[in-house]
């Protein structure tokens, strides 16, 4: 199965992660990027890497901040430049 790497797929994975991570505590729609501590942000990024079969963590230092929209665009930009994981 081919994975589509676009902002919509990244946003869908962010939503999936947020819904699971904050399942009992809060509504996923109320969570903002600034609510995530560094550990949770890394967990989110690892979730996205696994789900979309990309490598982005090594480039996280280049992310200049913003919300989930900017983060999604960053993931797509970096993810399309990096080779896909190989088994």
PDB file of N, CA and C in Angstrom:
ATOM      1  N   UNK A   1       0.832  -1.182   0.000  1.00  0.00           N
ATOM      2  CA  UNK A   1       0.000   0.000   0.000  1.00  0.00           C
ATOM      3  C   UNK A   1       0.878   1.246   0.000  1.00  0.00           C
ATOM      4  N   UNK A   2       0.648   2.149  -0.923  1.00  0.00           N
ATOM      5  CA  UNK A   2       1.389   3.392  -0.982  1.00  0.00           C
ATOM      6  C   UNK A   2       0.789   4.392  -0.009  1.00  0.00           C
ATOM      7  N   UNK A   3       1.656   5.118   0.654  1.00  0.00           N
ATOM      8  CA  UNK A   3       1.241   6.138   1.597  1.00  0.00           C
ATOM      9  C   UNK A   3       1.345   7.491   0.906  1.00  0.00           C
ATOM     10  N   UNK A   4       0.293   8.269   0.986  1.00  0.00           N
ATOM     11  CA  UNK A   4       0.290   9.605   0.415  1.00  0.00           C
ATOM     12  C   UNK A   4       0.842  10.572   1.453  1.00  0.00           C
ATOM     13  N   UNK A   5       1.857  11.323   1.048  1.00  0.00           N
ATOM     14  CA  UNK A   5       2.433  12.301   1.957  1.00  0.00           C
ATOM     15  C   UNK A   5       2.011  13.693   1.514  1.00  0.00           C
ATOM     16  N   UNK A   6       0.976  14.189   2.154  1.00  0.00           N
ATOM     17  CA  UNK A   6       0.508  15.545   1.921  1.00  0.00           C
ATOM     18  C   UNK A   6       0.040  16.106   3.257  1.00  0.00           C
ATOM     19  N   UNK A   7      -0.269  17.389   3.261  1.00  0.00           N
ATOM     20  CA  UNK A   7      -0.649  18.019   4.526  1.00  0.00           C
ATOM     21  C   UNK A   7      -1.894  17.395   5.134  1.00  0.00           C
ATOM     22  N   UNK A   8      -2.832  16.966   4.303  1.00  0.00           N
ATOM     23  CA  UNK A   8      -4.055  16.346   4.827  1.00  0.00           C
ATOM     24  C   UNK A   8      -3.743  15.043   5.554  1.00  0.00           C
ATOM     25  N   UNK A   9      -2.847  14.231   5.003  1.00  0.00           N
ATOM     26  CA  UNK A   9      -2.514  12.964   5.668  1.00  0.00           C
ATOM     27  C   UNK A   9      -1.741  13.214   6.957  1.00  0.00           C
ATOM     28  N   UNK A  10      -0.865  14.216   6.961  1.00  0.00           N
ATOM     29  CA  UNK A  10      -0.135  14.547   8.190  1.00  0.00           C
ATOM     30  C   UNK A  10      -1.107  15.064   9.251  1.00  0.00           C
ATOM     31  N   UNK A  11      -2.015  15.940   8.866  1.00  0.00           N
ATOM     32  CA  UNK A  11      -3.009  16.461   9.818  1.00  0.00           C
ATOM     33  C   UNK A  11      -3.892  15.345  10.363  1.00  0.00           C
ATOM     34  N   UNK A  12      -4.214  14.367   9.524  1.00  0.00           N
ATOM     35  CA  UNK A  12      -5.017  13.228   9.984  1.00  0.00           C
ATOM     36  C   UNK A  12      -4.253  12.424  11.032  1.00  0.00           C
ATOM     37  N   UNK A  13      -2.961  12.245  10.823  1.00  0.00           N
ATOM     38  CA  UNK A  13      -2.143  11.522  11.805  1.00  0.00           C
ATOM     39  C   UNK A  13      -1.984  12.331  13.090  1.00  0.00           C
ATOM     40  N   UNK A  14      -1.860  13.638  12.969  1.00  0.00           N
ATOM     41  CA  UNK A  14      -1.798  14.488  14.166  1.00  0.00           C
ATOM     42  C   UNK A  14      -3.086  14.321  14.963  1.00  0.00           C
ATOM     43  N   UNK A  15      -4.203  14.373  14.289  1.00  0.00           N
ATOM     44  CA  UNK A  15      -5.499  14.224  14.969  1.00  0.00           C
ATOM     45  C   UNK A  15      -5.606  12.851  15.648  1.00  0.00           C
ATOM     46  N   UNK A  16      -5.202  11.803  14.953  1.00  0.00           N
ATOM     47  CA  UNK A  16      -5.233  10.457  15.534  1.00  0.00           C
ATOM     48  C   UNK A  16      -4.399  10.406  16.809  1.00  0.00           C
ATOM     49  N   UNK A  17      -3.190  10.949  16.739  1.00  0.00           N
ATOM     50  CA  UNK A  17      -2.315  10.962  17.914  1.00  0.00           C
ATOM     51  C   UNK A  17      -2.939  11.755  19.056  1.00  0.00           C
ATOM     52  N   UNK A  18      -3.415  12.955  18.757  1.00  0.00           N
ATOM     53  CA  UNK A  18      -4.001  13.832  19.792  1.00  0.00           C
ATOM     54  C   UNK A  18      -5.215  13.156  20.432  1.00  0.00           C
ATOM     55  N   UNK A  19      -6.059  12.544  19.625  1.00  0.00           N
ATOM     56  CA  UNK A  19      -7.243  11.869  20.168  1.00  0.00           C
ATOM     57  C   UNK A  19      -6.848  10.746  21.116  1.00  0.00           C
ATOM     58  N   UNK A  20      -5.806  10.000  20.778  1.00  0.00           N
ATOM     59  CA  UNK A  20      -5.353   8.907  21.645  1.00  0.00           C
ATOM     60  C   UNK A  20      -4.638   9.441  22.886  1.00  0.00           C
ATOM     61  N   UNK A  21      -3.783  10.428  22.693  1.00  0.00           N
ATOM     62  CA  UNK A  21      -2.965  10.947  23.790  1.00  0.00           C
ATOM     63  C   UNK A  21      -3.809  11.657  24.840  1.00  0.00           C
ATOM     64  N   UNK A  22      -4.784  12.407  24.385  1.00  0.00           N
ATOM     65  CA  UNK A  22      -5.629  13.179  25.304  1.00  0.00           C
ATOM     66  C   UNK A  22      -7.020  12.565  25.456  1.00  0.00           C
ATOM     67  N   UNK A  23      -7.154  11.282  25.229  1.00  0.00           N
ATOM     68  CA  UNK A  23      -8.454  10.610  25.191  1.00  0.00           C
ATOM     69  C   UNK A  23      -9.357  10.937  26.369  1.00  0.00           C
ATOM     70  N   UNK A  24      -8.833  10.929  27.553  1.00  0.00           N
ATOM     71  CA  UNK A  24      -9.657  11.134  28.741  1.00  0.00           C
ATOM     72  C   UNK A  24      -9.632  12.573  29.256  1.00  0.00           C
ATOM     73  N   UNK A  25      -8.663  13.343  28.800  1.00  0.00           N
ATOM     74  CA  UNK A  25      -8.428  14.652  29.405  1.00  0.00           C
ATOM     75  C   UNK A  25      -9.107  15.824  28.717  1.00  0.00           C
ATOM     76  N   UNK A  26      -9.136  15.818  27.388  1.00  0.00           N
ATOM     77  CA  UNK A  26      -9.673  16.979  26.699  1.00  0.00           C
ATOM     78  C   UNK A  26     -10.059  16.656  25.273  1.00  0.00           C
ATOM     79  N   UNK A  27     -10.812  17.550  24.691  1.00  0.00           N
ATOM     80  CA  UNK A  27     -11.263  17.416  23.319  1.00  0.00           C
ATOM     81  C   UNK A  27     -10.093  17.682  22.370  1.00  0.00           C
ATOM     82  N   UNK A  28      -9.925  16.838  21.374  1.00  0.00           N
ATOM     83  CA  UNK A  28      -8.815  16.980  20.428  1.00  0.00           C
ATOM     84  C   UNK A  28      -8.823  18.334  19.727  1.00  0.00           C
ATOM     85  N   UNK A  29      -9.991  18.883  19.485  1.00  0.00           N
ATOM     86  CA  UNK A  29     -10.081  20.171  18.797  1.00  0.00           C
ATOM     87  C   UNK A  29      -9.548  21.338  19.628  1.00  0.00           C
ATOM     88  N   UNK A  30      -9.452  21.148  20.927  1.00  0.00           N
ATOM     89  CA  UNK A  30      -8.979  22.234  21.783  1.00  0.00           C
ATOM     90  C   UNK A  30      -7.458  22.226  21.965  1.00  0.00           C
ATOM     91  N   UNK A  31      -6.796  21.168  21.507  1.00  0.00           N
ATOM     92  CA  UNK A  31      -5.345  21.049  21.680  1.00  0.00           C
ATOM     93  C   UNK A  31      -4.630  21.875  20.618  1.00  0.00           C
ATOM     94  N   UNK A  32      -3.680  22.662  21.065  1.00  0.00           N
ATOM     95  CA  UNK A  32      -2.863  23.475  20.171  1.00  0.00           C
ATOM     96  C   UNK A  32      -1.415  22.983  20.227  1.00  0.00           C
ATOM     97  N   UNK A  33      -0.665  23.315  19.219  1.00  0.00           N
ATOM     98  CA  UNK A  33       0.747  22.914  19.169  1.00  0.00           C
ATOM     99  C   UNK A  33       1.492  23.384  20.413  1.00  0.00           C
ATOM    100  N   UNK A  34       1.174  24.572  20.881  1.00  0.00           N
ATOM    101  CA  UNK A  34       1.846  25.128  22.065  1.00  0.00           C
ATOM    102  C   UNK A  34       1.509  24.371  23.351  1.00  0.00           C
ATOM    103  N   UNK A  35       0.482  23.516  23.322  1.00  0.00           N
ATOM    104  CA  UNK A  35       0.126  22.711  24.491  1.00  0.00           C
ATOM    105  C   UNK A  35       1.060  21.517  24.674  1.00  0.00           C
ATOM    106  N   UNK A  36       1.780  21.147  23.619  1.00  0.00           N
ATOM    107  CA  UNK A  36       2.626  19.962  23.670  1.00  0.00           C
ATOM    108  C   UNK A  36       3.971  20.283  24.301  1.00  0.00           C
ATOM    109  N   UNK A  37       4.373  19.468  25.280  1.00  0.00           N
ATOM    110  CA  UNK A  37       5.723  19.625  25.806  1.00  0.00           C
ATOM    111  C   UNK A  37       6.684  18.915  24.855  1.00  0.00           C
ATOM    112  N   UNK A  38       7.966  19.039  25.085  1.00  0.00           N
ATOM    113  CA  UNK A  38       8.950  18.498  24.140  1.00  0.00           C
ATOM    114  C   UNK A  38       8.837  16.977  24.006  1.00  0.00           C
ATOM    115  N   UNK A  39       8.573  16.287  25.101  1.00  0.00           N
ATOM    116  CA  UNK A  39       8.440  14.829  25.044  1.00  0.00           C
ATOM    117  C   UNK A  39       7.244  14.429  24.183  1.00  0.00           C
ATOM    118  N   UNK A  40       6.124  15.098  24.360  1.00  0.00           N
ATOM    119  CA  UNK A  40       4.923  14.787  23.591  1.00  0.00           C
ATOM    120  C   UNK A  40       5.119  15.126  22.119  1.00  0.00           C
ATOM    121  N   UNK A  41       5.820  16.213  21.845  1.00  0.00           N
ATOM    122  CA  UNK A  41       6.103  16.574  20.457  1.00  0.00           C
ATOM    123  C   UNK A  41       6.931  15.491  19.772  1.00  0.00           C
ATOM    124  N   UNK A  42       7.920  14.960  20.467  1.00  0.00           N
ATOM    125  CA  UNK A  42       8.736  13.882  19.893  1.00  0.00           C
ATOM    126  C   UNK A  42       7.885  12.626  19.688  1.00  0.00           C
ATOM    127  N   UNK A  43       7.024  12.316  20.637  1.00  0.00           N
ATOM    128  CA  UNK A  43       6.122  11.174  20.465  1.00  0.00           C
ATOM    129  C   UNK A  43       5.241  11.362  19.237  1.00  0.00           C
ATOM    130  N   UNK A  44       4.707  12.562  19.065  1.00  0.00           N
ATOM    131  CA  UNK A  44       3.882  12.870  17.907  1.00  0.00           C
ATOM    132  C   UNK A  44       4.678  12.675  16.625  1.00  0.00           C
ATOM    133  N   UNK A  45       5.882  13.192  16.588  1.00  0.00           N
ATOM    134  CA  UNK A  45       6.704  13.083  15.389  1.00  0.00           C
ATOM    135  C   UNK A  45       7.037  11.626  15.082  1.00  0.00           C
ATOM    136  N   UNK A  46       7.353  10.849  16.092  1.00  0.00           N
ATOM    137  CA  UNK A  46       7.630   9.422  15.879  1.00  0.00           C
ATOM    138  C   UNK A  46       6.384   8.688  15.382  1.00  0.00           C
ATOM    139  N   UNK A  47       5.224   9.072  15.887  1.00  0.00           N
ATOM    140  CA  UNK A  47       3.964   8.500  15.408  1.00  0.00           C
ATOM    141  C   UNK A  47       3.787   8.798  13.918  1.00  0.00           C
ATOM    142  N   UNK A  48       4.014  10.044  13.527  1.00  0.00           N
ATOM    143  CA  UNK A  48       3.873  10.440  12.122  1.00  0.00           C
ATOM    144  C   UNK A  48       4.884   9.703  11.254  1.00  0.00           C
ATOM    145  N   UNK A  49       6.128   9.620  11.720  1.00  0.00           N
ATOM    146  CA  UNK A  49       7.150   8.894  10.954  1.00  0.00           C
ATOM    147  C   UNK A  49       6.741   7.448  10.719  1.00  0.00           C
ATOM    148  N   UNK A  50       6.257   6.810  11.760  1.00  0.00           N
ATOM    149  CA  UNK A  50       5.849   5.407  11.651  1.00  0.00           C
ATOM    150  C   UNK A  50       4.645   5.244  10.735  1.00  0.00           C
ATOM    151  N   UNK A  51       3.661   6.083  10.909  1.00  0.00           N
ATOM    152  CA  UNK A  51       2.429   5.961  10.131  1.00  0.00           C
ATOM    153  C   UNK A  51       2.641   6.252   8.652  1.00  0.00           C
ATOM    154  N   UNK A  52       3.517   7.219   8.360  1.00  0.00           N
ATOM    155  CA  UNK A  52       3.702   7.650   6.969  1.00  0.00           C
ATOM    156  C   UNK A  52       5.008   7.160   6.358  1.00  0.00           C
ATOM    157  N   UNK A  53       5.758   6.372   7.121  1.00  0.00           N
ATOM    158  CA  UNK A  53       6.997   5.765   6.644  1.00  0.00           C
ATOM    159  C   UNK A  53       7.967   6.815   6.102  1.00  0.00           C
ATOM    160  N   UNK A  54       8.239   7.819   6.927  1.00  0.00           N
ATOM    161  CA  UNK A  54       9.169   8.890   6.566  1.00  0.00           C
ATOM    162  C   UNK A  54      10.155   9.113   7.700  1.00  0.00           C
ATOM    163  N   UNK A  55      11.191   9.891   7.435  1.00  0.00           N
ATOM    164  CA  UNK A  55      12.183  10.258   8.433  1.00  0.00           C
ATOM    165  C   UNK A  55      12.208  11.782   8.513  1.00  0.00           C
ATOM    166  N   UNK A  56      11.875  12.314   9.693  1.00  0.00           N
ATOM    167  CA  UNK A  56      11.800  13.764   9.856  1.00  0.00           C
ATOM    168  C   UNK A  56      12.530  14.231  11.117  1.00  0.00           C
ATOM    169  N   UNK A  57      12.630  13.388  12.122  1.00  0.00           N
ATOM    170  CA  UNK A  57      13.157  13.787  13.430  1.00  0.00           C
ATOM    171  C   UNK A  57      14.505  14.496  13.337  1.00  0.00           C
ATOM    172  N   UNK A  58      15.381  14.007  12.470  1.00  0.00           N
ATOM    173  CA  UNK A  58      16.715  14.590  12.360  1.00  0.00           C
ATOM    174  C   UNK A  58      16.686  16.043  11.897  1.00  0.00           C
ATOM    175  N   UNK A  59      15.587  16.467  11.297  1.00  0.00           N
ATOM    176  CA  UNK A  59      15.473  17.833  10.793  1.00  0.00           C
ATOM    177  C   UNK A  59      14.599  18.727  11.685  1.00  0.00           C
ATOM    178  N   UNK A  60      14.134  18.195  12.809  1.00  0.00           N
ATOM    179  CA  UNK A  60      13.229  18.952  13.672  1.00  0.00           C
ATOM    180  C   UNK A  60      13.828  20.283  14.118  1.00  0.00           C
ATOM    181  N   UNK A  61      15.140  20.332  14.239  1.00  0.00           N
ATOM    182  CA  UNK A  61      15.790  21.581  14.666  1.00  0.00           C
ATOM    183  C   UNK A  61      15.537  22.728  13.670  1.00  0.00           C
ATOM    184  N   UNK A  62      15.121  22.409  12.458  1.00  0.00           N
ATOM    185  CA  UNK A  62      14.824  23.439  11.463  1.00  0.00           C
ATOM    186  C   UNK A  62      13.390  23.962  11.530  1.00  0.00           C
ATOM    187  N   UNK A  63      12.556  23.344  12.344  1.00  0.00           N
ATOM    188  CA  UNK A  63      11.174  23.810  12.481  1.00  0.00           C
ATOM    189  C   UNK A  63      11.178  25.094  13.297  1.00  0.00           C
ATOM    190  N   UNK A  64      10.598  26.135  12.735  1.00  0.00           N
ATOM    191  CA  UNK A  64      10.631  27.443  13.366  1.00  0.00           C
ATOM    192  C   UNK A  64       9.378  27.783  14.150  1.00  0.00           C
ATOM    193  N   UNK A  65       8.540  26.811  14.373  1.00  0.00           N
ATOM    194  CA  UNK A  65       7.380  27.031  15.209  1.00  0.00           C
ATOM    195  C   UNK A  65       6.123  27.369  14.439  1.00  0.00           C
ATOM    196  N   UNK A  66       5.073  27.518  15.181  1.00  0.00           N
ATOM    197  CA  UNK A  66       3.767  27.761  14.599  1.00  0.00           C
ATOM    198  C   UNK A  66       2.783  26.739  15.123  1.00  0.00           C
ATOM    199  N   UNK A  67       1.709  26.591  14.404  1.00  0.00           N
ATOM    200  CA  UNK A  67       0.673  25.655  14.806  1.00  0.00           C
ATOM    201  C   UNK A  67       0.778  24.346  14.039  1.00  0.00           C
ATOM    202  N   UNK A  68      -0.279  23.565  14.144  1.00  0.00           N
ATOM    203  CA  UNK A  68      -0.293  22.275  13.462  1.00  0.00           C
ATOM    204  C   UNK A  68      -0.264  22.426  11.940  1.00  0.00           C
ATOM    205  N   UNK A  69      -0.799  23.515  11.404  1.00  0.00           N
ATOM    206  CA  UNK A  69      -0.743  23.728   9.955  1.00  0.00           C
ATOM    207  C   UNK A  69       0.700  23.897   9.496  1.00  0.00           C
ATOM    208  N   UNK A  70       1.453  24.730  10.186  1.00  0.00           N
ATOM    209  CA  UNK A  70       2.864  24.939   9.843  1.00  0.00           C
ATOM    210  C   UNK A  70       3.671  23.663  10.058  1.00  0.00           C
ATOM    211  N   UNK A  71       3.359  22.941  11.128  1.00  0.00           N
ATOM    212  CA  UNK A  71       4.064  21.695  11.408  1.00  0.00           C
ATOM    213  C   UNK A  71       3.792  20.676  10.306  1.00  0.00           C
ATOM    214  N   UNK A  72       2.550  20.594   9.853  1.00  0.00           N
ATOM    215  CA  UNK A  72       2.202  19.668   8.778  1.00  0.00           C
ATOM    216  C   UNK A  72       2.964  20.006   7.501  1.00  0.00           C
ATOM    217  N   UNK A  73       3.023  21.282   7.172  1.00  0.00           N
ATOM    218  CA  UNK A  73       3.760  21.714   5.979  1.00  0.00           C
ATOM    219  C   UNK A  73       5.247  21.375   6.118  1.00  0.00           C
ATOM    220  N   UNK A  74       5.803  21.579   7.308  1.00  0.00           N
ATOM    221  CA  UNK A  74       7.201  21.240   7.566  1.00  0.00           C
ATOM    222  C   UNK A  74       7.443  19.745   7.377  1.00  0.00           C
ATOM    223  N   UNK A  75       6.569  18.916   7.935  1.00  0.00           N
ATOM    224  CA  UNK A  75       6.716  17.463   7.817  1.00  0.00           C
ATOM    225  C   UNK A  75       6.678  17.039   6.353  1.00  0.00           C
ATOM    226  N   UNK A  76       5.759  17.598   5.587  1.00  0.00           N
ATOM    227  CA  UNK A  76       5.674  17.256   4.159  1.00  0.00           C
ATOM    228  C   UNK A  76       6.938  17.689   3.432  1.00  0.00           C
ATOM    229  N   UNK A  77       7.386  18.901   3.698  1.00  0.00           N
ATOM    230  CA  UNK A  77       8.593  19.400   3.029  1.00  0.00           C
ATOM    231  C   UNK A  77       9.802  18.516   3.319  1.00  0.00           C
ATOM    232  N   UNK A  78      10.027  18.231   4.589  1.00  0.00           N
ATOM    233  CA  UNK A  78      11.182  17.420   4.980  1.00  0.00           C
ATOM    234  C   UNK A  78      10.987  15.966   4.581  1.00  0.00           C
ATOM    235  N   UNK A  79       9.781  15.460   4.765  1.00  0.00           N
ATOM    236  CA  UNK A  79       9.505  14.058   4.459  1.00  0.00           C
ATOM    237  C   UNK A  79       9.662  13.711   2.995  1.00  0.00           C
ATOM    238  N   UNK A  80       9.425  14.656   2.131  1.00  0.00           N
ATOM    239  CA  UNK A  80       9.593  14.394   0.700  1.00  0.00           C
ATOM    240  C   UNK A  80      11.046  14.502   0.273  1.00  0.00           C
ATOM    241  N   UNK A  81      11.890  15.054   1.118  1.00  0.00           N
ATOM    242  CA  UNK A  81      13.315  15.164   0.809  1.00  0.00           C
ATOM    243  C   UNK A  81      14.112  13.987   1.343  1.00  0.00           C
ATOM    244  N   UNK A  82      13.586  13.287   2.299  1.00  0.00           N
ATOM    245  CA  UNK A  82      14.299  12.183   2.931  1.00  0.00           C
ATOM    246  C   UNK A  82      13.903  10.863   2.291  1.00  0.00           C
ATOM    247  N   UNK A  83      14.833   9.923   2.233  1.00  0.00           N
ATOM    248  CA  UNK A  83      14.465   8.599   1.705  1.00  0.00           C
ATOM    249  C   UNK A  83      13.487   7.896   2.628  1.00  0.00           C
ATOM    250  N   UNK A  84      12.640   7.091   2.056  1.00  0.00           N
ATOM    251  CA  UNK A  84      11.669   6.306   2.809  1.00  0.00           C
ATOM    252  C   UNK A  84      12.412   5.192   3.537  1.00  0.00           C
ATOM    253  N   UNK A  85      11.956   4.833   4.736  1.00  0.00           N
ATOM    254  CA  UNK A  85      12.533   3.710   5.467  1.00  0.00           C
ATOM    255  C   UNK A  85      12.531   2.465   4.597  1.00  0.00           C
ATOM    256  N   UNK A  86      13.537   1.656   4.761  1.00  0.00           N
ATOM    257  CA  UNK A  86      13.557   0.368   4.066  1.00  0.00           C
ATOM    258  C   UNK A  86      13.636  -0.738   5.094  1.00  0.00           C
ATOM    259  N   UNK A  87      12.939  -1.824   4.850  1.00  0.00           N
ATOM    260  CA  UNK A  87      12.931  -2.931   5.840  1.00  0.00           C
ATOM    261  C   UNK A  87      14.265  -3.600   5.982  1.00  0.00           C
TER     262      UNK A  87
END
